[in-house]
């Protein structure tokens, strides 16, 4: 009888301990950084045709090859080997160094690409340093006003000196 009581007591203690463990909080998970995605930038070119060093270079699915024959795009736009782009509506455009034609026939000049890149850089800077550009602009305006005020004071001093 004593043995049965001891066994029941031990079983009760074990079940209570096990139940208490089941209700404990799990260990917190560590944050995992997202995987970096490759972006089209200096190292990677977007799919399309680009004029580089006076030659047309076609990039499709990451493979870059020179254009050796006239190329017809999906929408009917024709690109000749010397860089003349004829749209499906008949409009022609001559590609210059750095110009880009997407596989859908959209032509982007080097200036447009540079403007887009500048805007992206500004947006990235604003995300990294919120409010910093506004502060810098205010500081520049303040410095300009101070310079104008100093110039006016110099002119007043010259005018006073000239009167004497």
Protein backbone atom coordinates (compact mmCIF):
# COMPACT_ATOMS: atom_id res chain seq x y z
CA UNK A 1 0.00 0.00 0.00
CA UNK A 2 2.85 2.33 0.85
CA UNK A 3 4.47 1.52 -2.50
CA UNK A 4 1.28 2.30 -4.42
CA UNK A 5 0.93 5.61 -2.61
CA UNK A 6 4.53 6.50 -3.41
CA UNK A 7 4.06 5.54 -7.06
CA UNK A 8 0.86 7.60 -7.32
CA UNK A 9 2.56 10.55 -5.62
CA UNK A 10 5.56 10.32 -7.96
CA UNK A 11 3.29 10.05 -11.02
CA UNK A 12 1.29 13.09 -9.90
CA UNK A 13 4.46 15.13 -9.40
CA UNK A 14 5.81 14.11 -12.81
CA UNK A 15 2.54 14.97 -14.58
CA UNK A 16 2.36 18.35 -12.85
CA UNK A 17 5.93 19.18 -13.80
CA UNK A 18 5.34 18.11 -17.39
CA UNK A 19 2.15 20.22 -17.57
CA UNK A 20 4.01 23.23 -16.21
CA UNK A 21 6.68 22.83 -18.85
CA UNK A 22 4.12 22.71 -21.64
CA UNK A 23 2.80 26.11 -20.64
CA UNK A 24 6.16 27.85 -20.61
CA UNK A 25 6.90 30.37 -23.37
CA UNK A 26 8.87 29.20 -26.38
CA UNK A 27 12.22 30.83 -27.04
CA UNK A 28 11.89 34.04 -29.10
CA UNK A 29 12.84 33.77 -32.75
CA UNK A 30 15.74 35.72 -34.10
CA UNK A 31 15.06 38.11 -36.95
CA UNK A 32 16.42 36.90 -40.24
CA UNK A 33 17.64 39.44 -42.77
CA UNK A 34 15.95 39.15 -46.18
CA UNK A 35 18.01 37.74 -49.00
CA UNK A 36 19.60 40.33 -51.24
CA UNK A 37 18.04 40.53 -54.67
CA UNK A 38 20.18 41.45 -57.64
CA UNK A 39 19.23 44.80 -59.13
CA UNK A 40 19.82 46.05 -62.62
CA UNK A 41 22.74 48.39 -62.12
CA UNK A 42 26.34 48.76 -63.13
CA UNK A 43 26.98 45.02 -62.92
CA UNK A 44 23.75 43.85 -64.52
CA UNK A 45 22.08 45.15 -67.64
CA UNK A 46 18.34 45.20 -68.23
CA UNK A 47 16.97 43.11 -71.07
CA UNK A 48 16.98 45.14 -74.27
CA UNK A 49 19.33 46.69 -76.81
CA UNK A 50 21.99 49.26 -75.86
CA UNK A 51 24.39 51.33 -77.97
CA UNK A 52 27.86 50.89 -76.45
CA UNK A 53 31.14 51.99 -78.08
CA UNK A 54 29.26 52.57 -81.35
CA UNK A 55 27.97 48.99 -81.44
CA UNK A 56 24.58 47.55 -80.58
CA UNK A 57 24.53 45.06 -77.72
CA UNK A 58 21.45 42.93 -77.04
CA UNK A 59 20.80 41.57 -73.55
CA UNK A 60 18.20 38.85 -73.07
CA UNK A 61 17.75 36.77 -69.91
CA UNK A 62 21.13 37.96 -68.62
CA UNK A 63 23.00 36.94 -71.81
CA UNK A 64 24.72 39.81 -73.64
CA UNK A 65 25.61 39.48 -77.33
CA UNK A 66 26.41 41.95 -80.12
CA UNK A 67 23.65 42.56 -82.67
CA UNK A 68 24.90 41.27 -86.03
CA UNK A 69 21.61 41.39 -87.98
CA UNK A 70 18.49 43.54 -87.91
CA UNK A 71 16.41 42.71 -84.85
CA UNK A 72 12.61 42.72 -84.68
CA UNK A 73 11.12 43.14 -81.22
CA UNK A 74 7.88 41.65 -79.87
CA UNK A 75 5.76 44.66 -80.78
CA UNK A 76 7.09 44.95 -84.35
CA UNK A 77 9.79 47.57 -83.71
CA UNK A 78 12.82 47.01 -85.95
CA UNK A 79 16.39 47.84 -84.87
CA UNK A 80 19.03 47.89 -87.60
CA UNK A 81 22.69 47.09 -86.98
CA UNK A 82 23.69 50.75 -87.41
CA UNK A 83 21.33 51.86 -84.59
CA UNK A 84 18.23 53.08 -86.43
CA UNK A 85 15.04 52.17 -84.54
CA UNK A 86 11.84 52.06 -86.59
CA UNK A 87 8.71 51.84 -84.46
CA UNK A 88 5.59 49.95 -85.46
CA UNK A 89 3.98 53.31 -86.29
CA UNK A 90 6.84 54.13 -88.70
CA UNK A 91 8.66 56.68 -86.50
CA UNK A 92 12.45 56.37 -86.77
CA UNK A 93 15.04 57.21 -84.15
CA UNK A 94 18.83 57.07 -84.32
CA UNK A 95 20.45 55.57 -81.22
CA UNK A 96 23.44 57.37 -79.75
CA UNK A 97 26.04 56.22 -77.22
CA UNK A 98 24.35 54.97 -74.03
CA UNK A 99 20.80 54.90 -75.45
CA UNK A 100 18.64 51.91 -74.57
CA UNK A 101 15.69 50.19 -76.26
CA UNK A 102 13.58 47.84 -74.13
CA UNK A 103 12.26 44.58 -75.55
CA UNK A 104 8.84 46.26 -75.78
CA UNK A 105 10.23 48.98 -78.07
CA UNK A 106 10.48 51.86 -75.58
CA UNK A 107 13.52 54.07 -76.34
CA UNK A 108 15.36 55.71 -73.44
CA UNK A 109 18.11 58.22 -74.08
CA UNK A 110 21.24 58.45 -71.98
CA UNK A 111 19.97 61.69 -70.39
CA UNK A 112 16.67 60.05 -69.36
CA UNK A 113 18.53 57.12 -67.83
CA UNK A 114 20.83 59.49 -65.92
CA UNK A 115 17.83 61.49 -64.65
CA UNK A 116 16.10 58.32 -63.45
CA UNK A 117 19.31 57.21 -61.74
CA UNK A 118 19.64 60.60 -60.00
CA UNK A 119 16.04 60.43 -58.78
CA UNK A 120 16.58 56.90 -57.46
CA UNK A 121 19.73 58.01 -55.64
CA UNK A 122 17.87 60.93 -54.04
CA UNK A 123 15.02 58.68 -52.96
CA UNK A 124 17.46 56.18 -51.47
CA UNK A 125 19.28 59.01 -49.64
CA UNK A 126 15.97 60.35 -48.30
CA UNK A 127 15.04 56.89 -47.00
CA UNK A 128 18.43 56.48 -45.35
CA UNK A 129 18.58 60.04 -43.92
CA UNK A 130 15.00 61.37 -43.52
CA UNK A 131 14.84 65.18 -43.35
CA UNK A 132 18.57 65.63 -43.99
CA UNK A 133 18.17 67.22 -47.45
CA UNK A 134 15.65 69.75 -46.09
CA UNK A 135 18.04 70.67 -43.29
CA UNK A 136 20.88 71.11 -45.79
CA UNK A 137 18.65 73.29 -48.02
CA UNK A 138 17.68 75.49 -45.06
CA UNK A 139 21.33 75.83 -44.04
CA UNK A 140 22.27 76.82 -47.61
CA UNK A 141 19.50 79.45 -47.75
CA UNK A 142 20.58 80.80 -44.37
CA UNK A 143 24.19 81.09 -45.58
CA UNK A 144 23.03 82.90 -48.74
CA UNK A 145 21.00 85.38 -46.69
CA UNK A 146 23.95 85.99 -44.39
CA UNK A 147 26.19 86.61 -47.41
CA UNK A 148 23.68 89.04 -48.93
CA UNK A 149 23.43 90.88 -45.62
CA UNK A 150 27.23 91.11 -45.36
CA UNK A 151 27.41 92.43 -48.95
CA UNK A 152 24.80 95.11 -48.16
CA UNK A 153 26.74 96.16 -45.07
CA UNK A 154 29.93 96.44 -47.16
CA UNK A 155 28.10 98.62 -49.69
CA UNK A 156 26.79 100.84 -46.89
CA UNK A 157 30.30 101.14 -45.45
CA UNK A 158 31.67 102.08 -48.90
CA UNK A 159 28.91 104.64 -49.37
CA UNK A 160 29.67 106.17 -45.95
CA UNK A 161 33.38 106.27 -46.73
CA UNK A 162 32.69 107.94 -50.09
CA UNK A 163 30.55 110.68 -48.42
CA UNK A 164 33.34 111.68 -46.03
